[in-house]
Protein backbone atom coordinates (compact mmCIF):
# COMPACT_ATOMS: atom_id res chain seq x y z
CA MET A 1 -38.29 -33.15 14.36
CA SER A 2 -38.21 -36.81 14.61
CA ALA A 3 -37.31 -38.50 17.90
CA SER A 4 -34.01 -40.06 16.25
CA GLY A 5 -31.97 -36.83 16.52
CA GLY A 6 -33.08 -36.32 20.12
CA ARG A 7 -32.41 -40.12 20.89
CA LYS A 8 -28.76 -39.76 19.87
CA ALA A 9 -28.06 -36.69 22.06
CA ILE A 10 -29.86 -38.44 25.04
CA VAL A 11 -27.61 -41.66 24.63
CA ALA A 12 -24.50 -39.54 24.32
CA ALA A 13 -25.48 -37.60 27.41
CA LEU A 14 -26.27 -40.80 29.39
CA LEU A 15 -22.88 -42.36 28.50
CA ALA A 16 -21.04 -39.37 29.41
CA ASN A 17 -22.92 -38.57 32.56
CA THR A 18 -22.54 -42.01 33.79
CA GLY A 19 -18.92 -42.08 33.45
CA ILE A 20 -18.63 -38.65 34.97
CA ALA A 21 -20.61 -39.52 38.03
CA VAL A 22 -18.40 -42.53 38.67
CA SER A 23 -15.50 -40.50 38.45
CA LYS A 24 -16.50 -37.61 40.69
CA PHE A 25 -17.86 -39.98 43.52
CA VAL A 26 -14.29 -41.55 43.41
CA GLY A 27 -12.87 -37.97 43.43
CA PHE A 28 -15.15 -37.05 46.37
CA LEU A 29 -14.02 -40.12 48.46
CA ILE A 30 -10.50 -39.05 47.94
CA THR A 31 -10.75 -35.18 48.27
CA ARG A 32 -13.68 -34.65 50.41
CA SER A 33 -14.56 -31.69 48.37
CA SER A 34 -18.05 -30.38 48.81
CA SER A 35 -17.99 -28.98 45.06
CA MET A 36 -17.18 -32.57 44.00
CA LEU A 37 -19.86 -34.21 45.91
CA ALA A 38 -22.36 -31.67 44.60
CA GLU A 39 -21.18 -32.31 41.17
CA SER A 40 -21.34 -36.07 41.75
CA VAL A 41 -24.97 -35.79 42.65
CA HIS A 42 -25.65 -33.48 39.69
CA SER A 43 -24.06 -36.08 37.29
CA VAL A 44 -26.24 -38.83 38.76
CA ALA A 45 -29.44 -36.78 38.50
CA ASP A 46 -28.40 -36.05 34.95
CA ALA A 47 -27.89 -39.65 34.01
CA GLY A 48 -31.09 -40.39 35.72
CA ASN A 49 -32.80 -37.77 33.69
CA GLN A 50 -31.61 -39.07 30.37
CA GLY A 51 -33.21 -42.40 31.42
CA LEU A 52 -36.57 -40.74 31.96
CA LEU A 53 -36.32 -38.97 28.43
CA LEU A 54 -35.85 -42.33 26.77
CA LEU A 55 -38.64 -43.63 28.82
CA GLY A 56 -40.76 -40.91 27.70
CA GLN A 57 -39.91 -41.65 23.86
CA GLN A 58 -40.74 -45.36 24.54
CA GLN A 59 -44.01 -44.62 25.97
CA ALA A 60 -44.88 -41.96 23.28
CA ALA A 61 -44.36 -44.54 20.62
CA ARG A 62 -47.28 -46.82 21.84
CA LYS A 63 -50.32 -46.95 19.54
CA ALA A 64 -53.54 -45.20 20.20
CA ASP A 65 -56.15 -47.26 22.15
CA ALA A 66 -59.60 -46.62 23.65
CA ASP A 67 -58.29 -44.88 26.77
CA HIS A 68 -55.98 -42.71 24.68
CA PRO A 69 -57.57 -42.31 21.26
CA PHE A 70 -55.01 -39.69 20.28
CA GLY A 71 -52.11 -41.75 21.35
CA TYR A 72 -49.49 -41.28 23.77
CA GLY A 73 -47.35 -38.47 22.27
CA ARG A 74 -47.42 -36.17 25.39
CA ALA A 75 -45.56 -38.79 27.43
CA ARG A 76 -42.43 -36.97 26.05
CA PHE A 77 -43.74 -33.65 27.45
CA PHE A 78 -44.57 -35.10 30.91
CA TRP A 79 -41.19 -36.94 31.41
CA SER A 80 -39.29 -33.86 30.35
CA PHE A 81 -41.22 -31.75 32.97
CA VAL A 82 -40.32 -34.62 35.42
CA VAL A 83 -36.61 -33.99 34.43
CA ALA A 84 -36.93 -30.40 35.31
CA VAL A 85 -38.14 -31.36 38.81
CA VAL A 86 -35.54 -34.02 39.54
CA LEU A 87 -32.73 -31.42 38.27
CA PHE A 88 -34.20 -28.96 40.85
CA ALA A 89 -34.75 -31.32 43.60
CA LEU A 90 -31.55 -33.57 43.48
CA GLY A 91 -29.26 -31.09 41.77
CA SER A 92 -29.95 -27.56 43.01
CA LEU A 93 -31.24 -28.06 46.36
CA PHE A 94 -28.57 -30.67 47.33
CA ALA A 95 -25.85 -28.36 46.10
CA LEU A 96 -27.20 -25.57 48.07
CA TYR A 97 -27.53 -27.76 51.22
CA GLU A 98 -23.81 -28.94 50.86
CA GLY A 99 -22.56 -25.34 50.25
CA ILE A 100 -24.30 -23.88 53.37
CA ALA A 101 -23.20 -26.89 55.44
CA LYS A 102 -19.54 -26.35 54.09
CA LEU A 103 -19.73 -22.68 54.99
CA ARG A 104 -20.80 -23.51 58.46
CA SER A 105 -18.29 -26.14 59.11
CA PRO A 106 -15.26 -25.66 56.51
CA HIS A 107 -12.55 -28.27 55.96
CA ASP A 108 -9.57 -28.39 53.94
CA ILE A 109 -9.65 -30.26 50.52
CA GLU A 110 -7.56 -33.33 50.31
CA SER A 111 -5.64 -34.44 47.22
CA VAL A 112 -6.46 -31.23 45.16
CA PRO A 113 -4.49 -32.58 42.20
CA VAL A 114 -7.00 -35.60 41.97
CA ALA A 115 -9.94 -33.17 42.02
CA ILE A 116 -8.57 -31.00 39.39
CA GLY A 117 -7.80 -34.07 37.26
CA ILE A 118 -11.23 -35.64 37.64
CA LEU A 119 -12.97 -32.29 37.00
CA THR A 120 -10.81 -31.65 33.94
CA LEU A 121 -11.76 -35.33 32.62
CA ALA A 122 -15.41 -34.56 33.28
CA ILE A 123 -15.22 -31.15 31.42
CA LEU A 124 -13.88 -33.25 28.34
CA LEU A 125 -16.56 -35.83 28.46
CA GLU A 126 -19.43 -33.18 29.00
CA THR A 127 -17.96 -31.10 26.12
CA TYR A 128 -18.40 -34.25 23.77
CA SER A 129 -21.98 -34.69 25.14
CA PHE A 130 -22.75 -30.84 24.57
CA ARG A 131 -21.15 -31.08 21.05
CA THR A 132 -23.38 -34.00 20.16
CA ALA A 133 -26.59 -32.22 21.25
CA ILE A 134 -25.62 -29.01 19.40
CA VAL A 135 -24.87 -30.91 16.19
CA GLU A 136 -28.34 -32.68 16.45
CA ALA A 137 -30.09 -29.45 17.27
CA ASN A 138 -28.41 -27.69 14.28
CA HIS A 139 -30.20 -30.35 11.96
CA VAL A 140 -33.59 -28.88 12.82
CA ARG A 141 -32.82 -25.48 14.19
CA HIS A 142 -31.72 -23.82 10.89
CA ASP A 143 -31.42 -20.08 11.22
CA GLU A 144 -33.40 -19.82 14.48
CA GLY A 145 -31.52 -18.37 17.45
CA TRP A 146 -30.78 -20.51 20.45
CA VAL A 147 -33.11 -18.95 22.79
CA SER A 148 -35.80 -18.89 20.35
CA PHE A 149 -35.23 -22.74 19.62
CA ILE A 150 -35.23 -23.66 23.35
CA ARG A 151 -38.56 -21.59 23.82
CA HIS A 152 -40.43 -22.78 20.77
CA ALA A 153 -39.26 -26.37 20.14
CA LYS A 154 -42.02 -28.74 20.26
CA SER A 155 -39.75 -31.82 20.69
CA PRO A 156 -38.46 -31.55 24.15
CA GLU A 157 -35.61 -33.69 24.28
CA LEU A 158 -33.07 -31.56 22.46
CA PRO A 159 -33.69 -28.35 24.59
CA VAL A 160 -33.63 -30.35 27.91
CA VAL A 161 -30.18 -32.16 26.80
CA LEU A 162 -28.93 -28.84 25.61
CA LEU A 163 -29.63 -26.96 28.87
CA GLU A 164 -28.46 -29.89 31.01
CA ASP A 165 -25.19 -30.03 29.20
CA ALA A 166 -24.66 -26.25 29.25
CA GLY A 167 -25.47 -26.25 32.95
CA ALA A 168 -23.14 -29.18 33.72
CA LEU A 169 -20.29 -27.54 31.77
CA LEU A 170 -20.74 -24.24 33.66
CA GLY A 171 -21.20 -26.14 37.05
CA LEU A 172 -17.85 -28.04 36.14
CA ILE A 173 -16.05 -24.92 35.71
CA LEU A 174 -17.43 -23.45 38.82
CA ALA A 175 -16.38 -26.36 40.84
CA LEU A 176 -12.94 -26.23 39.13
CA MET A 177 -12.74 -22.54 40.12
CA GLY A 178 -13.90 -23.38 43.73
CA VAL A 179 -11.15 -25.98 44.02
CA GLY A 180 -8.55 -24.04 42.57
CA LEU A 181 -9.13 -20.99 44.61
CA ALA A 182 -9.44 -22.96 47.76
CA LEU A 183 -5.85 -24.45 46.95
CA ILE A 184 -4.60 -20.84 46.10
CA THR A 185 -5.89 -19.15 49.07
CA GLY A 186 -5.81 -21.94 51.47
CA ASP A 187 -9.37 -21.12 52.46
CA PRO A 188 -12.05 -23.78 51.93
CA MET A 189 -14.71 -21.29 51.74
CA TRP A 190 -14.09 -20.96 48.06
CA ASP A 191 -15.10 -24.62 47.68
CA ALA A 192 -18.24 -23.90 49.55
CA LEU A 193 -19.04 -20.89 47.35
CA GLY A 194 -18.43 -22.89 44.26
CA THR A 195 -20.87 -25.47 45.64
CA LEU A 196 -23.45 -22.71 46.29
CA SER A 197 -22.99 -21.16 42.78
CA ILE A 198 -23.70 -24.67 41.44
CA GLY A 199 -26.86 -24.74 43.31
CA VAL A 200 -28.14 -21.57 41.90
CA LEU A 201 -27.16 -22.34 38.39
CA LEU A 202 -29.08 -25.73 38.48
CA GLY A 203 -32.12 -23.99 40.01
CA ALA A 204 -32.37 -21.39 37.35
CA ILE A 205 -32.02 -24.01 34.65
CA SER A 206 -34.57 -26.32 36.23
CA ILE A 207 -37.00 -23.14 36.42
CA VAL A 208 -36.48 -22.35 32.69
CA LEU A 209 -37.19 -26.18 31.77
CA ALA A 210 -40.34 -26.21 34.02
CA VAL A 211 -41.69 -23.38 32.47
CA GLU A 212 -41.41 -24.48 29.00
CA MET A 213 -42.37 -28.15 29.60
CA ARG A 214 -45.63 -26.80 31.38
CA SER A 215 -46.47 -24.89 28.40
CA LEU A 216 -46.13 -27.99 26.13
CA LEU A 217 -48.12 -30.17 28.77
CA ILE A 218 -51.14 -27.57 28.93
CA GLY A 219 -51.34 -27.73 25.21
CA GLU A 220 -49.49 -25.25 22.43
CA GLY A 221 -50.79 -24.53 19.14
CA ALA A 222 -48.93 -24.52 15.74
CA SER A 223 -46.19 -21.93 15.32
CA PRO A 224 -47.13 -18.80 13.61
CA ALA A 225 -45.45 -19.96 10.30
CA ASP A 226 -47.40 -23.11 10.29
CA SER A 227 -50.48 -21.34 11.20
CA ALA A 228 -50.14 -18.98 8.22
CA LEU A 229 -49.56 -22.03 5.90
CA ILE A 230 -52.56 -23.83 7.16
CA HIS A 231 -54.68 -20.57 6.61
CA ALA A 232 -53.37 -19.95 3.27
CA THR A 233 -53.80 -23.60 2.16
CA ILE A 234 -57.43 -23.89 3.29
CA GLU A 235 -58.29 -20.41 1.57
CA ASN A 236 -56.61 -21.40 -1.70
CA THR A 237 -58.23 -24.80 -2.26
CA THR A 238 -60.49 -24.98 -5.03
CA ASP A 239 -64.16 -24.77 -4.06
CA VAL A 240 -63.54 -23.42 -0.58
CA ARG A 241 -65.15 -20.17 -0.52
CA ARG A 242 -64.08 -19.06 3.15
CA LEU A 243 -62.21 -20.24 6.21
CA ILE A 244 -64.59 -19.44 9.13
CA HIS A 245 -62.26 -20.28 11.92
CA VAL A 246 -59.32 -22.92 12.76
CA LYS A 247 -57.61 -24.21 15.81
CA THR A 248 -54.57 -26.28 16.29
CA LEU A 249 -53.14 -28.32 19.07
CA TYR A 250 -49.89 -30.57 19.36
CA LEU A 251 -50.84 -34.04 20.47
CA GLY A 252 -47.13 -34.79 20.70
CA PRO A 253 -43.94 -33.40 19.37
CA ASP A 254 -44.57 -34.84 15.84
CA GLU A 255 -48.29 -34.66 15.72
CA LEU A 256 -50.46 -31.64 15.10
CA MET A 257 -54.34 -31.76 15.31
CA VAL A 258 -56.04 -29.19 13.10
CA ALA A 259 -59.83 -28.47 13.42
CA ALA A 260 -61.59 -25.91 11.26
CA LYS A 261 -64.87 -24.83 9.78
CA VAL A 262 -64.98 -24.04 6.18
CA GLU A 263 -67.59 -22.63 3.97
CA VAL A 264 -67.56 -24.40 0.47
CA ALA A 265 -68.63 -22.84 -2.77
CA ALA A 266 -72.26 -22.55 -3.83
CA ALA A 267 -71.81 -24.76 -6.67
CA VAL A 268 -70.95 -27.72 -4.50
CA VAL A 269 -74.39 -29.10 -3.65
CA THR A 270 -74.23 -32.94 -3.14
CA SER A 271 -72.74 -34.54 -0.09
CA ALA A 272 -70.15 -36.49 -2.19
CA ASP A 273 -68.86 -33.28 -3.78
CA VAL A 274 -68.76 -31.70 -0.22
CA ALA A 275 -66.77 -34.66 1.03
CA ALA A 276 -64.37 -34.27 -1.96
CA VAL A 277 -63.64 -30.86 -1.22
CA ILE A 278 -63.08 -31.64 2.45
CA ASN A 279 -60.69 -34.55 1.53
CA ASP A 280 -58.79 -32.42 -0.98
CA THR A 281 -58.39 -29.75 1.44
CA GLU A 282 -57.11 -32.16 4.27
CA ALA A 283 -54.52 -33.66 1.77
CA ARG A 284 -53.27 -30.14 0.81
CA ILE A 285 -52.81 -29.15 4.64
CA ARG A 286 -50.76 -32.47 5.21
CA ASP A 287 -48.64 -31.62 2.05
CA ALA A 288 -48.03 -28.01 3.39
CA VAL A 289 -47.65 -29.09 7.07
CA PRO A 290 -46.52 -32.72 7.38
CA THR A 291 -46.89 -32.65 11.13
CA ALA A 292 -50.54 -32.09 10.76
CA ARG A 293 -51.55 -35.62 11.06
CA VAL A 294 -55.15 -35.28 12.72
CA ILE A 295 -57.36 -33.11 10.81
CA TYR A 296 -61.22 -32.41 11.55
CA LEU A 297 -62.77 -30.06 8.65
CA GLU A 298 -66.44 -29.19 9.16
CA PRO A 299 -68.54 -27.68 6.35
CA ASP A 300 -70.53 -24.69 7.58
CA VAL A 301 -72.29 -21.45 6.55
CA TYR A 302 -70.70 -18.12 7.55
CA HIS A 303 -72.63 -15.64 9.35
CA SER A 304 -71.30 -12.15 9.56
């Protein structure tokens, strides 16, 4: 996946979350609802997270240099991991703190219609952002299920935005339910419980994101489908007698490194002929798997 689709989803989420954060803070100042405050901080954190994702894309575009000969592609993985940490620290922990404080010292919500109106507006804006992320994800997801896409996507931005937007929508619904139940029952405890639910939800999402981004940071190889293509391409290349072994590693979301040892046919005797076989094999691999941009093939002799 190119960064363009992810960037479009990030910008849509950034604009939506900025507008939502401002409206929620105004709503909190009017209503004094803890759910509204928790959601305000959540939206500020989300807007900041989109800024971090854009920063990651900008840094990843830097050219390779002596200190980073394989480029800066993993910057996108790093900043996506930071997003997971920020979402947990500023979103989940703050919401849990506010919910517990409200349970200990409950107070009635002021101007409930204002709170409901702002939360409804926020749901509409967040739905727009979520829909944009879904459309962009569908361009690269194809027939893959959503869980599998989030778990196996090498480009981190779309899974991050998708989970953030889904969490934001569910959080808004929980906040709306908390405010509504507090209004119906006259018991502000429901507002506090809504805030706690938001904290638990954000914590769960941040943990999922952290686990997936950690895997990318440590280093993931090619997908089973791409691995099979690479194996088949090498083994079916003219004058390649045998693939001895191969290893792959993503240097960035759009850049796969392939390192392999191959045994060339006995008829290939000169160094020029060996080099031609290696070059032909590399070209075939790039045609089969376009993300395989860094390839190292070493001719060797197979020993059983």
